[in-house]
Amino acid sequence: MNTHNHTLVFSINTDAPVDYLNRWKELKYKCETGDNEDIVENIKGYCKLECNENLPYLNRSEGGLGGGNNSTNKQIRFRTDIIEEYKKDNDIVLEDIDCDTTMNKWTYQELDDLIYAFIKSANKYVKAECVTGYIKMISIHAYNDNYLDSDSD
């Protein structure tokens, strides 16, 4: 988990009926503009892991889950719509933010549980089972000029 940045990406089926797509766009807007505390609480209600179920709402402008201290608490935040490019896609994105300590990092089991819970919550919101999700990973070294030149990592 220390070698890659992780992002949870959710989308609706491209062939979903217009009324489902409209509800998805409404959900995306709420998630990306910080009006998402009720959505987070709903997500937590579908979590199977007690540690996720008990995560506090992340009281930041973008919202999300996790403790409020960047040094000691892991967090997962909604992507905000302030960047014009994000308004063009149809994804809802949660970006993980690990704390500075090695003790409090996200596990794949926790991220999978959040994916499951978000999909359940989003399907309920759009009133159909048409939402999918996955973990997107990118190496923390991917943008280094010599990324592939090293035998380590």
Protein backbone atom coordinates (compact mmCIF):
# COMPACT_ATOMS: atom_id res chain seq x y z
CA MET A 1 0.00 0.00 0.00
CA ASN A 2 2.99 2.32 0.47
CA THR A 3 4.16 2.14 -3.15
CA HIS A 4 0.98 3.37 -4.86
CA ASN A 5 -1.67 6.05 -4.58
CA HIS A 6 -5.17 4.58 -4.54
CA THR A 7 -8.37 6.08 -5.85
CA LEU A 8 -11.87 4.62 -5.69
CA VAL A 9 -13.72 5.26 -8.95
CA PHE A 10 -17.47 4.77 -9.39
CA SER A 11 -19.55 5.03 -12.53
CA ILE A 12 -23.01 4.26 -13.79
CA ASN A 13 -23.63 1.93 -16.72
CA THR A 14 -23.56 3.93 -19.93
CA ASP A 15 -26.80 2.33 -21.12
CA ALA A 16 -28.76 3.23 -17.99
CA PRO A 17 -32.11 4.95 -18.63
CA VAL A 18 -32.19 8.76 -18.54
CA ASP A 19 -33.98 9.00 -15.19
CA TYR A 20 -31.25 6.86 -13.56
CA LEU A 21 -28.55 8.99 -15.21
CA ASN A 22 -30.22 12.15 -13.92
CA ARG A 23 -30.26 10.81 -10.36
CA TRP A 24 -26.59 9.79 -10.79
CA LYS A 25 -25.70 13.32 -11.89
CA GLU A 26 -27.49 14.68 -8.83
CA LEU A 27 -25.54 12.27 -6.61
CA LYS A 28 -22.26 13.22 -8.33
CA TYR A 29 -23.02 16.91 -7.80
CA LYS A 30 -23.72 16.37 -4.09
CA CYS A 31 -20.56 14.29 -3.65
CA GLU A 32 -18.30 16.75 -5.47
CA THR A 33 -19.62 19.97 -3.95
CA GLY A 34 -19.27 18.95 -0.31
CA ASP A 35 -23.01 18.45 0.32
CA ASN A 36 -22.36 14.80 1.16
CA GLU A 37 -22.60 14.12 4.88
CA ASP A 38 -25.90 12.26 4.44
CA ILE A 39 -24.34 10.23 1.62
CA VAL A 40 -21.36 9.30 3.80
CA GLU A 41 -23.68 8.20 6.61
CA ASN A 42 -25.61 6.05 4.14
CA ILE A 43 -22.36 4.51 2.85
CA LYS A 44 -21.27 3.71 6.41
CA GLY A 45 -24.60 1.95 6.93
CA TYR A 46 -23.67 -0.57 4.22
CA CYS A 47 -20.11 -1.19 5.44
CA LYS A 48 -19.46 -4.70 6.70
CA LEU A 49 -16.23 -3.86 8.51
CA GLU A 50 -16.73 -2.29 11.91
CA CYS A 51 -13.67 -0.07 11.43
CA ASN A 52 -15.29 1.52 8.33
CA GLU A 53 -18.71 1.65 9.92
CA ASN A 54 -17.25 3.70 12.79
CA LEU A 55 -15.26 6.16 10.66
CA PRO A 56 -16.20 9.76 11.35
CA TYR A 57 -17.42 12.09 8.64
CA LEU A 58 -14.43 14.03 7.34
CA ASN A 59 -15.30 17.62 8.07
CA ARG A 60 -13.45 19.19 5.14
CA SER A 61 -14.80 21.24 2.25
CA GLU A 62 -14.82 18.14 0.02
CA GLY A 63 -16.16 15.75 2.68
CA GLY A 64 -15.35 12.08 2.99
CA LEU A 65 -14.46 9.59 5.70
CA GLY A 66 -11.73 9.53 8.30
CA GLY A 67 -10.23 11.43 11.16
CA GLY A 68 -9.58 15.14 10.98
CA ASN A 69 -5.86 15.06 11.80
CA ASN A 70 -3.73 14.72 8.66
CA SER A 71 -0.73 13.54 10.69
CA THR A 72 -2.40 10.70 12.56
CA ASN A 73 -5.63 9.77 10.74
CA LYS A 74 -6.18 8.10 7.40
CA GLN A 75 -8.76 9.82 5.22
CA ILE A 76 -10.62 9.24 2.00
CA ARG A 77 -11.99 12.37 0.36
CA PHE A 78 -14.44 13.06 -2.41
CA ARG A 79 -12.91 14.64 -5.46
CA THR A 80 -14.22 18.18 -5.82
CA ASP A 81 -15.69 19.73 -8.93
CA ILE A 82 -13.53 22.86 -8.78
CA ILE A 83 -11.38 21.54 -11.61
CA GLU A 84 -13.34 21.98 -14.82
CA GLU A 85 -12.04 18.70 -16.28
CA TYR A 86 -13.73 16.71 -13.49
CA LYS A 87 -17.14 18.10 -14.43
CA LYS A 88 -16.82 16.50 -17.86
CA ASP A 89 -16.51 12.89 -16.74
CA ASN A 90 -19.30 10.87 -15.24
CA ASP A 91 -17.31 9.34 -12.37
CA ILE A 92 -17.58 9.85 -8.64
CA VAL A 93 -14.11 9.60 -7.15
CA LEU A 94 -12.79 9.10 -3.62
CA GLU A 95 -9.08 9.71 -3.13
CA ASP A 96 -7.25 8.06 -0.26
CA ILE A 97 -5.02 10.15 1.93
CA ASP A 98 -2.78 8.15 4.24
CA CYS A 99 -1.50 9.79 7.37
CA ASP A 100 2.15 10.41 8.03
CA THR A 101 2.52 7.39 10.33
CA THR A 102 3.00 3.82 9.16
CA MET A 103 0.46 2.47 11.65
CA ASN A 104 -2.75 3.97 10.22
CA LYS A 105 -2.90 3.11 6.50
CA TRP A 106 -5.81 1.92 4.40
CA THR A 107 -5.93 -1.80 3.68
CA TYR A 108 -7.34 -3.36 0.52
CA GLN A 109 -10.00 -5.03 2.65
CA GLU A 110 -11.12 -1.62 3.95
CA LEU A 111 -11.09 -0.10 0.46
CA ASP A 112 -13.04 -3.07 -0.93
CA ASP A 113 -15.59 -2.66 1.85
CA LEU A 114 -15.99 1.02 0.96
CA ILE A 115 -16.47 0.11 -2.70
CA TYR A 116 -19.17 -2.40 -1.76
CA ALA A 117 -20.89 0.11 0.54
CA PHE A 118 -20.73 2.98 -1.95
CA ILE A 119 -22.17 0.82 -4.74
CA LYS A 120 -25.04 -0.31 -2.49
CA SER A 121 -25.71 3.28 -1.42
CA ALA A 122 -25.49 4.67 -4.97
CA ASN A 123 -27.74 1.96 -6.40
CA LYS A 124 -30.33 2.87 -3.77
CA TYR A 125 -29.97 6.55 -4.70
CA VAL A 126 -30.44 5.99 -8.45
CA LYS A 127 -33.10 3.33 -7.76
CA ALA A 128 -31.45 0.61 -9.84
CA GLU A 129 -28.49 -1.76 -9.75
CA CYS A 130 -26.35 -0.02 -12.36
CA VAL A 131 -23.34 1.38 -10.48
CA THR A 132 -19.86 -0.14 -10.62
CA GLY A 133 -16.64 0.66 -8.79
CA TYR A 134 -12.97 -0.21 -8.72
CA ILE A 135 -9.62 0.73 -7.19
CA LYS A 136 -7.34 2.73 -9.47
CA MET A 137 -3.66 2.50 -8.53
CA ILE A 138 -0.70 4.51 -9.71
CA SER A 139 2.86 4.14 -8.51
CA ILE A 140 4.08 7.03 -6.38
CA HIS A 141 7.17 7.01 -8.62
CA ALA A 142 5.33 6.94 -11.96
CA TYR A 143 6.08 10.58 -12.75
CA ASN A 144 9.79 10.37 -11.98
CA ASP A 145 11.94 10.57 -15.11
CA ASN A 146 13.87 7.44 -14.12
CA TYR A 147 10.85 5.45 -12.94
CA LEU A 148 11.49 2.36 -15.06
CA ASP A 149 15.28 2.57 -14.94
CA SER A 150 15.54 1.15 -11.42
CA ASP A 151 15.58 -2.54 -10.50
CA SER A 152 14.07 -1.82 -7.09
CA ASP A 153 10.31 -1.35 -6.32
